[in-house]
Amino acid sequence: MKATLKGLFFVLFPLFLGVLSLSIGRFEVDFTVQVQILLSQFMDIEQTWTDMEEAAVIQLRLPRVILAILIGGGLSIAGAALQGMFANPLVSPDILGVSAGAGFGAALGILLFGHGFSTQIIALITGMLAIGITFLVGGFKKEMPIFMMVLAGVVTSALFQAFISLIKFVADPEEKLPSITYWLMGSLGTASYYDILIGAPFIIIGMVILLVLRWRINILSLSEEEAKSLGISVAKTRWLVIFAATIITASAVSIAGIIGWVGLIIPHIARMLVGNNNRFVLPVSISIGGSYLLIIDNLARTLTPAEIPLSILTAIVGAPFFAYLLMRTGGGWK
């Protein structure tokens, strides 16, 4: 019964925050009015609100809330899966170079085609390329020292960051450059239903794959011989996890830019709440990550007159928290 209530809480909490977030913004919409607007999309309700209020809730805030929950949850489960697979708390899509690789692909896509499906595909391809380079440099072995993985990720990130700088150098300084620069800092300011249409399927597919594999990720933390003795195809499972984490990260980056720290920090919070069993860590990471990024986005669009890029706020919150974890655990896995 207690476990059921916990599960229900983790399902409902981001949804509750999402509904609450629809009434937050510079243009105030009363909460009861906002609920009526939402219900009117499915029921025949007499209109007592203005068209501007409806546009603010349905056209501006609702797609932003949906994407914040999806991207936050997606980045969190991707980070949790990679940390579980390598049994190391320092691994994340950012450290492995996926974010930088997908960022380069998305910046290239914006330069050539603008925002759209082509940009999504290019980001996905370059994200896969980046993680391939990381494993090629570091050597894809379960017993690989973590510093080799980190160093390989640093090399890959530096390479694609240089490519991003090249894109910014050749971009039109009047039109393309400001768009690419601001977008790379992470923002949901241009969120739309079109972004949901082209990005959500990739994120959801990746999340479903990781949820299906979550019990196998526990086994991957064992030695390769033990995993094989339990009937698990180690190489196949690892590449499925990597593929799922990459398509989530690449899709998130192509929609909202590079949002750091989420995939690194949120899995730690999930483990504090439910332990190290990835059967529970991964779904809980989705809930906490979606809620966290939603709160960060609410702060980004309300703290100052000009919207604050998401990566600034996630770093302000994430860096001190990670420093606390390092001092508490000494960088070990608990």
C-alpha atoms as a PDB file:
ATOM      1  CA  MET A   1       0.000   0.000   0.000  1.00  0.00           C
ATOM      2  CA  LYS A   2       2.805   2.385   0.935  1.00  0.00           C
ATOM      3  CA  ALA A   3       4.668   1.634  -2.312  1.00  0.00           C
ATOM      4  CA  THR A   4       1.470   2.241  -4.294  1.00  0.00           C
ATOM      5  CA  LEU A   5       0.969   5.637  -2.651  1.00  0.00           C
ATOM      6  CA  LYS A   6       4.578   6.565  -3.400  1.00  0.00           C
ATOM      7  CA  GLY A   7       4.167   5.569  -7.016  1.00  0.00           C
ATOM      8  CA  LEU A   8       0.942   7.551  -7.281  1.00  0.00           C
ATOM      9  CA  PHE A   9       2.665  10.595  -5.792  1.00  0.00           C
ATOM     10  CA  PHE A  10       5.522  10.443  -8.290  1.00  0.00           C
ATOM     11  CA  VAL A  11       3.019  10.185 -11.153  1.00  0.00           C
ATOM     12  CA  LEU A  12       0.748  12.991  -9.988  1.00  0.00           C
ATOM     13  CA  PHE A  13       3.317  15.490  -8.679  1.00  0.00           C
ATOM     14  CA  PRO A  14       4.676  16.668 -12.066  1.00  0.00           C
ATOM     15  CA  LEU A  15       1.113  16.792 -13.404  1.00  0.00           C
ATOM     16  CA  PHE A  16       0.046  18.962 -10.467  1.00  0.00           C
ATOM     17  CA  LEU A  17       3.027  21.267 -10.999  1.00  0.00           C
ATOM     18  CA  GLY A  18       2.199  21.414 -14.697  1.00  0.00           C
ATOM     19  CA  VAL A  19      -1.365  22.581 -14.048  1.00  0.00           C
ATOM     20  CA  LEU A  20      -0.115  25.090 -11.480  1.00  0.00           C
ATOM     21  CA  SER A  21       2.521  26.399 -13.901  1.00  0.00           C
ATOM     22  CA  LEU A  22      -0.136  27.347 -16.449  1.00  0.00           C
ATOM     23  CA  SER A  23      -1.248  30.195 -14.191  1.00  0.00           C
ATOM     24  CA  ILE A  24       2.298  31.500 -13.637  1.00  0.00           C
ATOM     25  CA  GLY A  25       3.640  34.296 -15.818  1.00  0.00           C
ATOM     26  CA  ARG A  26       3.773  38.033 -16.381  1.00  0.00           C
ATOM     27  CA  PHE A  27       0.247  37.912 -17.768  1.00  0.00           C
ATOM     28  CA  GLU A  28      -1.760  36.708 -14.793  1.00  0.00           C
ATOM     29  CA  VAL A  29      -4.470  34.127 -15.271  1.00  0.00           C
ATOM     30  CA  ASP A  30      -6.512  33.146 -12.244  1.00  0.00           C
ATOM     31  CA  PHE A  31      -6.109  29.466 -11.375  1.00  0.00           C
ATOM     32  CA  THR A  32      -9.836  28.743 -11.500  1.00  0.00           C
ATOM     33  CA  VAL A  33     -10.100  30.492 -14.867  1.00  0.00           C
ATOM     34  CA  GLN A  34      -7.161  28.469 -16.140  1.00  0.00           C
ATOM     35  CA  VAL A  35      -8.822  25.216 -15.060  1.00  0.00           C
ATOM     36  CA  GLN A  36     -12.006  26.260 -16.860  1.00  0.00           C
ATOM     37  CA  ILE A  37      -9.996  26.998 -20.005  1.00  0.00           C
ATOM     38  CA  LEU A  38      -8.419  23.544 -19.869  1.00  0.00           C
ATOM     39  CA  LEU A  39     -11.757  21.830 -19.316  1.00  0.00           C
ATOM     40  CA  SER A  40     -13.308  23.788 -22.171  1.00  0.00           C
ATOM     41  CA  GLN A  41     -10.972  21.972 -24.590  1.00  0.00           C
ATOM     42  CA  PHE A  42     -12.844  18.752 -23.795  1.00  0.00           C
ATOM     43  CA  MET A  43     -16.234  19.924 -22.519  1.00  0.00           C
ATOM     44  CA  ASP A  44     -18.871  22.439 -23.534  1.00  0.00           C
ATOM     45  CA  ILE A  45     -18.394  25.247 -20.987  1.00  0.00           C
ATOM     46  CA  GLU A  46     -19.746  28.770 -21.217  1.00  0.00           C
ATOM     47  CA  GLN A  47     -16.853  31.157 -21.899  1.00  0.00           C
ATOM     48  CA  THR A  48     -16.285  33.601 -19.053  1.00  0.00           C
ATOM     49  CA  TRP A  49     -12.667  34.388 -19.896  1.00  0.00           C
ATOM     50  CA  THR A  50     -11.001  36.543 -22.516  1.00  0.00           C
ATOM     51  CA  ASP A  51      -9.447  35.291 -25.748  1.00  0.00           C
ATOM     52  CA  MET A  52      -6.099  36.629 -24.513  1.00  0.00           C
ATOM     53  CA  GLU A  53      -6.291  34.477 -21.381  1.00  0.00           C
ATOM     54  CA  GLU A  54      -7.097  31.415 -23.454  1.00  0.00           C
ATOM     55  CA  ALA A  55      -4.228  32.128 -25.848  1.00  0.00           C
ATOM     56  CA  ALA A  56      -1.802  32.569 -22.936  1.00  0.00           C
ATOM     57  CA  VAL A  57      -2.787  29.240 -21.383  1.00  0.00           C
ATOM     58  CA  ILE A  58      -3.313  27.052 -24.449  1.00  0.00           C
ATOM     59  CA  GLN A  59      -0.950  28.468 -27.072  1.00  0.00           C
ATOM     60  CA  LEU A  60       1.943  29.821 -24.983  1.00  0.00           C
ATOM     61  CA  ARG A  61       2.164  27.995 -21.663  1.00  0.00           C
ATOM     62  CA  LEU A  62       0.720  24.530 -22.256  1.00  0.00           C
ATOM     63  CA  PRO A  63       3.288  23.414 -24.911  1.00  0.00           C
ATOM     64  CA  ARG A  64       6.048  24.858 -22.750  1.00  0.00           C
ATOM     65  CA  VAL A  65       4.884  22.914 -19.694  1.00  0.00           C
ATOM     66  CA  ILE A  66       4.580  19.676 -21.687  1.00  0.00           C
ATOM     67  CA  LEU A  67       8.078  20.051 -23.139  1.00  0.00           C
ATOM     68  CA  ALA A  68       9.618  20.946 -19.762  1.00  0.00           C
ATOM     69  CA  ILE A  69       8.225  17.754 -18.203  1.00  0.00           C
ATOM     70  CA  LEU A  70       9.248  15.620 -21.188  1.00  0.00           C
ATOM     71  CA  ILE A  71      12.756  17.042 -21.534  1.00  0.00           C
ATOM     72  CA  GLY A  72      13.470  17.109 -17.799  1.00  0.00           C
ATOM     73  CA  GLY A  73      12.219  13.546 -17.374  1.00  0.00           C
ATOM     74  CA  GLY A  74      14.018  12.374 -20.517  1.00  0.00           C
ATOM     75  CA  LEU A  75      17.403  13.821 -19.582  1.00  0.00           C
ATOM     76  CA  SER A  76      17.058  12.433 -16.064  1.00  0.00           C
ATOM     77  CA  ILE A  77      16.250   8.862 -17.100  1.00  0.00           C
ATOM     78  CA  ALA A  78      19.038   8.987 -19.704  1.00  0.00           C
ATOM     79  CA  GLY A  79      21.538  10.017 -17.034  1.00  0.00           C
ATOM     80  CA  ALA A  80      20.213   7.432 -14.569  1.00  0.00           C
ATOM     81  CA  ALA A  81      20.472   4.653 -17.158  1.00  0.00           C
ATOM     82  CA  LEU A  82      24.053   5.515 -18.103  1.00  0.00           C
ATOM     83  CA  GLN A  83      25.086   5.821 -14.458  1.00  0.00           C
ATOM     84  CA  GLY A  84      23.470   2.469 -13.707  1.00  0.00           C
ATOM     85  CA  MET A  85      25.027   0.762 -16.724  1.00  0.00           C
ATOM     86  CA  PHE A  86      28.545   1.865 -15.775  1.00  0.00           C
ATOM     87  CA  ALA A  87      27.851   1.658 -12.016  1.00  0.00           C
ATOM     88  CA  ASN A  88      29.387   5.088 -11.671  1.00  0.00           C
ATOM     89  CA  PRO A  89      27.796   8.309 -10.403  1.00  0.00           C
ATOM     90  CA  LEU A  90      29.903  10.616 -12.590  1.00  0.00           C
ATOM     91  CA  VAL A  91      28.566   9.485 -15.960  1.00  0.00           C
ATOM     92  CA  SER A  92      25.976  11.571 -17.787  1.00  0.00           C
ATOM     93  CA  PRO A  93      25.115  12.449 -21.403  1.00  0.00           C
ATOM     94  CA  ASP A  94      26.913  15.778 -20.894  1.00  0.00           C
ATOM     95  CA  ILE A  95      30.123  14.131 -19.739  1.00  0.00           C
ATOM     96  CA  LEU A  96      30.024  11.554 -22.544  1.00  0.00           C
ATOM     97  CA  GLY A  97      29.851  14.286 -25.204  1.00  0.00           C
ATOM     98  CA  VAL A  98      26.319  13.557 -26.418  1.00  0.00           C
ATOM     99  CA  SER A  99      25.031  17.045 -25.590  1.00  0.00           C
ATOM    100  CA  ALA A 100      27.892  18.787 -27.381  1.00  0.00           C
ATOM    101  CA  GLY A 101      27.548  16.492 -30.389  1.00  0.00           C
ATOM    102  CA  ALA A 102      23.789  16.991 -30.603  1.00  0.00           C
ATOM    103  CA  GLY A 103      24.307  20.712 -30.030  1.00  0.00           C
ATOM    104  CA  PHE A 104      26.618  20.910 -33.026  1.00  0.00           C
ATOM    105  CA  GLY A 105      24.115  19.028 -35.191  1.00  0.00           C
ATOM    106  CA  ALA A 106      21.242  21.250 -34.100  1.00  0.00           C
ATOM    107  CA  ALA A 107      23.298  24.429 -34.627  1.00  0.00           C
ATOM    108  CA  LEU A 108      24.219  23.185 -38.097  1.00  0.00           C
ATOM    109  CA  GLY A 109      20.566  22.389 -38.774  1.00  0.00           C
ATOM    110  CA  ILE A 110      19.459  25.874 -37.680  1.00  0.00           C
ATOM    111  CA  LEU A 111      22.129  27.418 -39.892  1.00  0.00           C
ATOM    112  CA  LEU A 112      21.061  25.439 -42.953  1.00  0.00           C
ATOM    113  CA  PHE A 113      17.343  24.788 -42.483  1.00  0.00           C
ATOM    114  CA  GLY A 114      16.077  26.667 -39.424  1.00  0.00           C
ATOM    115  CA  HIS A 115      14.150  24.865 -36.678  1.00  0.00           C
ATOM    116  CA  GLY A 116      12.405  21.758 -37.956  1.00  0.00           C
ATOM    117  CA  PHE A 117      12.489  18.025 -38.503  1.00  0.00           C
ATOM    118  CA  SER A 118      15.754  18.182 -40.482  1.00  0.00           C
ATOM    119  CA  THR A 119      17.458  19.813 -37.510  1.00  0.00           C
ATOM    120  CA  GLN A 120      16.126  17.037 -35.258  1.00  0.00           C
ATOM    121  CA  ILE A 121      17.581  14.324 -37.493  1.00  0.00           C
ATOM    122  CA  ILE A 122      20.967  16.051 -37.835  1.00  0.00           C
ATOM    123  CA  ALA A 123      21.162  16.451 -34.038  1.00  0.00           C
ATOM    124  CA  LEU A 124      20.372  12.772 -33.582  1.00  0.00           C
ATOM    125  CA  ILE A 125      23.063  11.697 -36.062  1.00  0.00           C
ATOM    126  CA  THR A 126      25.773  13.920 -34.569  1.00  0.00           C
ATOM    127  CA  GLY A 127      24.789  12.874 -31.043  1.00  0.00           C
ATOM    128  CA  MET A 128      25.276   9.215 -32.000  1.00  0.00           C
ATOM    129  CA  LEU A 129      28.557  10.141 -33.684  1.00  0.00           C
ATOM    130  CA  ALA A 130      29.758  11.919 -30.542  1.00  0.00           C
ATOM    131  CA  ILE A 131      29.104   8.981 -28.230  1.00  0.00           C
ATOM    132  CA  GLY A 132      30.716   6.665 -30.781  1.00  0.00           C
ATOM    133  CA  ILE A 133      33.869   8.802 -30.678  1.00  0.00           C
ATOM    134  CA  THR A 134      33.807   8.771 -26.873  1.00  0.00           C
ATOM    135  CA  PHE A 135      33.737   4.972 -26.738  1.00  0.00           C
ATOM    136  CA  LEU A 136      36.298   4.688 -29.532  1.00  0.00           C
ATOM    137  CA  VAL A 137      38.721   6.890 -27.604  1.00  0.00           C
ATOM    138  CA  GLY A 138      37.996   5.456 -24.154  1.00  0.00           C
ATOM    139  CA  GLY A 139      37.525   1.815 -25.115  1.00  0.00           C
ATOM    140  CA  PHE A 140      34.076   0.300 -24.569  1.00  0.00           C
ATOM    141  CA  LYS A 141      34.677  -2.075 -21.663  1.00  0.00           C
ATOM    142  CA  LYS A 142      32.691  -2.624 -18.510  1.00  0.00           C
ATOM    143  CA  GLU A 143      35.836  -2.468 -16.377  1.00  0.00           C
ATOM    144  CA  MET A 144      37.013   0.737 -18.022  1.00  0.00           C
ATOM    145  CA  PRO A 145      38.416   3.202 -15.428  1.00  0.00           C
ATOM    146  CA  ILE A 146      36.067   6.129 -15.003  1.00  0.00           C
ATOM    147  CA  PHE A 147      38.820   8.659 -15.697  1.00  0.00           C
ATOM    148  CA  MET A 148      39.212   7.148 -19.172  1.00  0.00           C
ATOM    149  CA  MET A 149      35.518   7.630 -19.831  1.00  0.00           C
ATOM    150  CA  VAL A 150      35.587  11.180 -18.485  1.00  0.00           C
ATOM    151  CA  LEU A 151      38.702  12.101 -20.460  1.00  0.00           C
ATOM    152  CA  ALA A 152      37.258  10.608 -23.637  1.00  0.00           C
ATOM    153  CA  GLY A 153      34.070  12.585 -23.071  1.00  0.00           C
ATOM    154  CA  VAL A 154      36.063  15.776 -22.482  1.00  0.00           C
ATOM    155  CA  VAL A 155      37.942  15.235 -25.739  1.00  0.00           C
ATOM    156  CA  THR A 156      34.711  14.604 -27.648  1.00  0.00           C
ATOM    157  CA  SER A 157      32.951  17.591 -26.084  1.00  0.00           C
ATOM    158  CA  ALA A 158      35.899  19.853 -26.869  1.00  0.00           C
ATOM    159  CA  LEU A 159      35.907  18.687 -30.479  1.00  0.00           C
ATOM    160  CA  PHE A 160      32.211  19.375 -31.008  1.00  0.00           C
ATOM    161  CA  GLN A 161      32.347  22.630 -29.052  1.00  0.00           C
ATOM    162  CA  ALA A 162      35.003  23.720 -31.551  1.00  0.00           C
ATOM    163  CA  PHE A 163      32.645  22.761 -34.382  1.00  0.00           C
ATOM    164  CA  ILE A 164      29.881  24.783 -32.702  1.00  0.00           C
ATOM    165  CA  SER A 165      32.230  27.780 -32.528  1.00  0.00           C
ATOM    166  CA  LEU A 166      32.929  27.335 -36.241  1.00  0.00           C
ATOM    167  CA  ILE A 167      29.190  27.339 -36.980  1.00  0.00           C
ATOM    168  CA  LYS A 168      28.778  30.545 -34.970  1.00  0.00           C
ATOM    169  CA  PHE A 169      31.752  32.090 -36.785  1.00  0.00           C
ATOM    170  CA  VAL A 170      30.248  31.543 -40.248  1.00  0.00           C
ATOM    171  CA  ALA A 171      26.633  32.281 -39.247  1.00  0.00           C
ATOM    172  CA  ASP A 172      24.911  35.462 -40.338  1.00  0.00           C
ATOM    173  CA  PRO A 173      25.549  37.884 -37.416  1.00  0.00           C
ATOM    174  CA  GLU A 174      22.229  39.642 -37.952  1.00  0.00           C
ATOM    175  CA  GLU A 175      19.854  36.670 -38.082  1.00  0.00           C
ATOM    176  CA  LYS A 176      21.321  33.207 -37.494  1.00  0.00           C
ATOM    177  CA  LEU A 177      24.054  33.950 -34.920  1.00  0.00           C
ATOM    178  CA  PRO A 178      21.825  35.459 -32.185  1.00  0.00           C
ATOM    179  CA  SER A 179      19.338  32.614 -32.639  1.00  0.00           C
ATOM    180  CA  ILE A 180      22.024  29.922 -32.381  1.00  0.00           C
ATOM    181  CA  THR A 181      23.813  31.581 -29.438  1.00  0.00           C
ATOM    182  CA  TYR A 182      20.700  32.071 -27.322  1.00  0.00           C
ATOM    183  CA  TRP A 183      19.332  28.653 -28.221  1.00  0.00           C
ATOM    184  CA  LEU A 184      22.574  26.898 -27.186  1.00  0.00           C
ATOM    185  CA  MET A 185      22.182  28.317 -23.678  1.00  0.00           C
ATOM    186  CA  GLY A 186      18.926  26.407 -23.277  1.00  0.00           C
ATOM    187  CA  SER A 187      15.449  27.870 -23.494  1.00  0.00           C
ATOM    188  CA  LEU A 188      11.827  26.860 -23.915  1.00  0.00           C
ATOM    189  CA  GLY A 189      10.824  30.368 -24.928  1.00  0.00           C
ATOM    190  CA  THR A 190       9.864  29.280 -28.440  1.00  0.00           C
ATOM    191  CA  ALA A 191       8.074  26.071 -27.380  1.00  0.00           C
ATOM    192  CA  SER A 192       5.204  25.128 -29.652  1.00  0.00           C
ATOM    193  CA  TYR A 193       2.994  22.178 -30.500  1.00  0.00           C
ATOM    194  CA  TYR A 194       5.178  21.656 -33.579  1.00  0.00           C
ATOM    195  CA  ASP A 195       8.166  21.075 -31.258  1.00  0.00           C
ATOM    196  CA  ILE A 196       6.097  18.510 -29.384  1.00  0.00           C
ATOM    197  CA  LEU A 197       5.112  16.845 -32.639  1.00  0.00           C
ATOM    198  CA  ILE A 198       8.683  16.437 -33.895  1.00  0.00           C
ATOM    199  CA  GLY A 199      10.488  15.963 -30.580  1.00  0.00           C
ATOM    200  CA  ALA A 200       8.177  14.127 -28.205  1.00  0.00           C
ATOM    201  CA  PRO A 201       8.065  10.828 -30.166  1.00  0.00           C
ATOM    202  CA  PHE A 202      11.871  10.437 -30.008  1.00  0.00           C
ATOM    203  CA  ILE A 203      11.984  11.275 -26.295  1.00  0.00           C
ATOM    204  CA  ILE A 204       9.080   8.962 -25.455  1.00  0.00           C
ATOM    205  CA  ILE A 205      10.540   6.091 -27.505  1.00  0.00           C
ATOM    206  CA  GLY A 206      13.865   6.446 -25.702  1.00  0.00           C
ATOM    207  CA  MET A 207      12.163   6.575 -22.309  1.00  0.00           C
ATOM    208  CA  VAL A 208      10.073   3.469 -23.052  1.00  0.00           C
ATOM    209  CA  ILE A 209      13.176   1.527 -24.140  1.00  0.00           C
ATOM    210  CA  LEU A 210      14.999   2.437 -20.933  1.00  0.00           C
ATOM    211  CA  LEU A 211      11.996   1.593 -18.762  1.00  0.00           C
ATOM    212  CA  VAL A 212      11.712  -1.809 -20.427  1.00  0.00           C
ATOM    213  CA  LEU A 213      15.440  -2.428 -19.900  1.00  0.00           C
ATOM    214  CA  ARG A 214      15.658  -1.048 -16.368  1.00  0.00           C
ATOM    215  CA  TRP A 215      15.920  -4.454 -14.658  1.00  0.00           C
ATOM    216  CA  ARG A 216      18.643  -5.469 -17.118  1.00  0.00           C
ATOM    217  CA  ILE A 217      20.605  -2.327 -16.236  1.00  0.00           C
ATOM    218  CA  ASN A 218      20.895  -3.738 -12.707  1.00  0.00           C
ATOM    219  CA  ILE A 219      22.493  -6.856 -14.196  1.00  0.00           C
ATOM    220  CA  LEU A 220      24.886  -4.790 -16.339  1.00  0.00           C
ATOM    221  CA  SER A 221      26.422  -3.444 -13.146  1.00  0.00           C
ATOM    222  CA  LEU A 222      27.691  -6.991 -12.476  1.00  0.00           C
ATOM    223  CA  SER A 223      30.728  -8.490 -14.174  1.00  0.00           C
ATOM    224  CA  GLU A 224      30.308  -9.476 -17.818  1.00  0.00           C
ATOM    225  CA  GLU A 225      30.569 -13.186 -16.962  1.00  0.00           C
ATOM    226  CA  GLU A 226      27.839 -12.941 -14.321  1.00  0.00           C
ATOM    227  CA  ALA A 227      25.573 -11.000 -16.676  1.00  0.00           C
ATOM    228  CA  LYS A 228      26.019 -13.581 -19.438  1.00  0.00           C
ATOM    229  CA  SER A 229      25.317 -16.406 -17.014  1.00  0.00           C
ATOM    230  CA  LEU A 230      21.914 -14.815 -16.377  1.00  0.00           C
ATOM    231  CA  GLY A 231      21.112 -14.955 -20.072  1.00  0.00           C
ATOM    232  CA  ILE A 232      21.713 -11.267 -20.849  1.00  0.00           C
ATOM    233  CA  SER A 233      23.327 -10.216 -24.127  1.00  0.00           C
ATOM    234  CA  VAL A 234      25.665  -7.642 -22.619  1.00  0.00           C
ATOM    235  CA  ALA A 235      26.791  -5.880 -25.796  1.00  0.00           C
ATOM    236  CA  LYS A 236      23.282  -5.698 -27.256  1.00  0.00           C
ATOM    237  CA  THR A 237      21.791  -4.354 -24.031  1.00  0.00           C
ATOM    238  CA  ARG A 238      24.532  -1.753 -23.639  1.00  0.00           C
ATOM    239  CA  TRP A 239      24.044  -0.441 -27.141  1.00  0.00           C
ATOM    240  CA  LEU A 240      20.283  -0.322 -26.667  1.00  0.00           C
ATOM    241  CA  VAL A 241      20.766   1.758 -23.526  1.00  0.00           C
ATOM    242  CA  ILE A 242      23.224   4.031 -25.315  1.00  0.00           C
ATOM    243  CA  PHE A 243      20.922   4.403 -28.314  1.00  0.00           C
ATOM    244  CA  ALA A 244      17.911   5.255 -26.135  1.00  0.00           C
ATOM    245  CA  ALA A 245      19.874   7.753 -24.010  1.00  0.00           C
ATOM    246  CA  THR A 246      21.290   9.355 -27.158  1.00  0.00           C
ATOM    247  CA  ILE A 247      17.985   9.852 -28.967  1.00  0.00           C
ATOM    248  CA  ILE A 248      16.508  11.385 -25.809  1.00  0.00           C
ATOM    249  CA  THR A 249      19.428  13.768 -25.371  1.00  0.00           C
ATOM    250  CA  ALA A 250      19.670  14.669 -29.054  1.00  0.00           C
ATOM    251  CA  SER A 251      15.938  15.368 -29.263  1.00  0.00           C
ATOM    252  CA  ALA A 252      16.021  17.473 -26.100  1.00  0.00           C
ATOM    253  CA  VAL A 253      18.995  19.467 -27.369  1.00  0.00           C
ATOM    254  CA  SER A 254      17.417  20.041 -30.788  1.00  0.00           C
ATOM    255  CA  ILE A 255      14.271  21.447 -29.132  1.00  0.00           C
ATOM    256  CA  ALA A 256      15.579  23.431 -26.173  1.00  0.00           C
ATOM    257  CA  GLY A 257      19.349  23.700 -26.548  1.00  0.00           C
ATOM    258  CA  ILE A 258      21.972  22.348 -24.166  1.00  0.00           C
ATOM    259  CA  ILE A 259      20.543  22.063 -20.645  1.00  0.00           C
ATOM    260  CA  GLY A 260      23.288  20.888 -18.330  1.00  0.00           C
ATOM    261  CA  TRP A 261      23.328  19.171 -14.940  1.00  0.00           C
ATOM    262  CA  VAL A 262      19.845  17.630 -15.131  1.00  0.00           C
ATOM    263  CA  GLY A 263      21.016  14.186 -16.272  1.00  0.00           C
ATOM    264  CA  LEU A 264      23.830  14.224 -13.703  1.00  0.00           C
ATOM    265  CA  ILE A 265      22.096  15.474 -10.558  1.00  0.00           C
ATOM    266  CA  ILE A 266      18.515  14.163 -10.675  1.00  0.00           C
ATOM    267  CA  PRO A 267      19.459  10.420 -10.623  1.00  0.00           C
ATOM    268  CA  HIS A 268      21.329  11.048  -7.362  1.00  0.00           C
ATOM    269  CA  ILE A 269      18.221  12.572  -5.802  1.00  0.00           C
ATOM    270  CA  ALA A 270      16.176   9.587  -7.016  1.00  0.00           C
ATOM    271  CA  ARG A 271      18.620   7.176  -5.370  1.00  0.00           C
ATOM    272  CA  MET A 272      18.402   9.100  -2.121  1.00  0.00           C
ATOM    273  CA  LEU A 273      14.646   8.512  -2.169  1.00  0.00           C
ATOM    274  CA  VAL A 274      14.311   4.929  -3.453  1.00  0.00           C
ATOM    275  CA  GLY A 275      17.758   3.306  -3.225  1.00  0.00           C
ATOM    276  CA  ASN A 276      20.020   1.950  -5.965  1.00  0.00           C
ATOM    277  CA  ASN A 277      17.608  -0.462  -7.658  1.00  0.00           C
ATOM    278  CA  ASN A 278      17.226   0.851 -11.211  1.00  0.00           C
ATOM    279  CA  ARG A 279      13.741  -0.667 -11.470  1.00  0.00           C
ATOM    280  CA  PHE A 280      12.683   2.226  -9.243  1.00  0.00           C
ATOM    281  CA  VAL A 281      15.416   4.786  -9.896  1.00  0.00           C
ATOM    282  CA  LEU A 282      14.591   5.229 -13.589  1.00  0.00           C
ATOM    283  CA  PRO A 283      10.831   5.918 -13.306  1.00  0.00           C
ATOM    284  CA  VAL A 284      11.346   8.113 -10.236  1.00  0.00           C
ATOM    285  CA  SER A 285      14.024  10.055 -12.153  1.00  0.00           C
ATOM    286  CA  ILE A 286      11.419  10.859 -14.818  1.00  0.00           C
ATOM    287  CA  SER A 287       9.079  12.329 -12.209  1.00  0.00           C
ATOM    288  CA  ILE A 288      11.701  14.316 -10.342  1.00  0.00           C
ATOM    289  CA  GLY A 289      13.456  15.484 -13.511  1.00  0.00           C
ATOM    290  CA  GLY A 290      10.251  16.667 -15.145  1.00  0.00           C
ATOM    291  CA  SER A 291       9.211  18.514 -11.981  1.00  0.00           C
ATOM    292  CA  TYR A 292      12.671  20.035 -11.534  1.00  0.00           C
ATOM    293  CA  LEU A 293      12.963  21.418 -15.057  1.00  0.00           C
ATOM    294  CA  LEU A 294       9.407  22.735 -14.854  1.00  0.00           C
ATOM    295  CA  ILE A 295      10.284  24.674 -11.693  1.00  0.00           C
ATOM    296  CA  ILE A 296      13.501  25.938 -13.295  1.00  0.00           C
ATOM    297  CA  ASP A 297      11.579  27.081 -16.378  1.00  0.00           C
ATOM    298  CA  ASN A 298       9.027  28.899 -14.222  1.00  0.00           C
ATOM    299  CA  LEU A 299      11.871  30.733 -12.508  1.00  0.00           C
ATOM    300  CA  ALA A 300      13.561  31.478 -15.837  1.00  0.00           C
ATOM    301  CA  ARG A 301      10.527  33.278 -17.211  1.00  0.00           C
ATOM    302  CA  THR A 302       9.470  35.134 -14.057  1.00  0.00           C
ATOM    303  CA  LEU A 303      12.584  36.175 -12.076  1.00  0.00           C
ATOM    304  CA  THR A 304      13.682  38.979 -14.407  1.00  0.00           C
ATOM    305  CA  PRO A 305      12.111  41.038 -17.207  1.00  0.00           C
ATOM    306  CA  ALA A 306      14.340  39.223 -19.739  1.00  0.00           C
ATOM    307  CA  GLU A 307      14.048  35.429 -19.722  1.00  0.00           C
ATOM    308  CA  ILE A 308      17.051  33.685 -18.155  1.00  0.00           C
ATOM    309  CA  PRO A 309      18.575  30.802 -20.160  1.00  0.00           C
ATOM    310  CA  LEU A 310      17.849  27.464 -18.498  1.00  0.00           C
ATOM    311  CA  SER A 311      21.462  26.292 -18.423  1.00  0.00           C
ATOM    312  CA  ILE A 312      22.401  29.233 -16.188  1.00  0.00           C
ATOM    313  CA  LEU A 313      19.850  28.303 -13.542  1.00  0.00           C
ATOM    314  CA  THR A 314      20.492  24.553 -13.729  1.00  0.00           C
ATOM    315  CA  ALA A 315      24.219  25.236 -13.203  1.00  0.00           C
ATOM    316  CA  ILE A 316      23.567  27.598 -10.274  1.00  0.00           C
ATOM    317  CA  VAL A 317      21.483  24.889  -8.590  1.00  0.00           C
ATOM    318  CA  GLY A 318      23.336  21.808  -9.825  1.00  0.00           C
ATOM    319  CA  ALA A 319      26.971  22.734  -9.247  1.00  0.00           C
ATOM    320  CA  PRO A 320      26.681  23.376  -5.472  1.00  0.00           C
ATOM    321  CA  PHE A 321      24.546  20.261  -5.023  1.00  0.00           C
ATOM    322  CA  PHE A 322      27.064  18.110  -6.880  1.00  0.00           C
ATOM    323  CA  ALA A 323      29.900  19.623  -4.828  1.00  0.00           C
ATOM    324  CA  TYR A 324      27.985  18.597  -1.695  1.00  0.00           C
ATOM    325  CA  LEU A 325      27.610  15.045  -3.058  1.00  0.00           C
ATOM    326  CA  LEU A 326      31.333  14.829  -3.809  1.00  0.00           C
ATOM    327  CA  MET A 327      32.232  15.963  -0.299  1.00  0.00           C
ATOM    328  CA  ARG A 328      29.708  13.547   1.200  1.00  0.00           C
ATOM    329  CA  THR A 329      30.623  10.454  -0.812  1.00  0.00           C
ATOM    330  CA  GLY A 330      34.177  11.164  -1.987  1.00  0.00           C
ATOM    331  CA  GLY A 331      33.034  10.499  -5.558  1.00  0.00           C
ATOM    332  CA  GLY A 332      32.083   6.902  -4.747  1.00  0.00           C
ATOM    333  CA  TRP A 333      28.940   4.938  -5.489  1.00  0.00           C
ATOM    334  CA  LYS A 334      26.625   4.372  -2.551  1.00  0.00           C
END
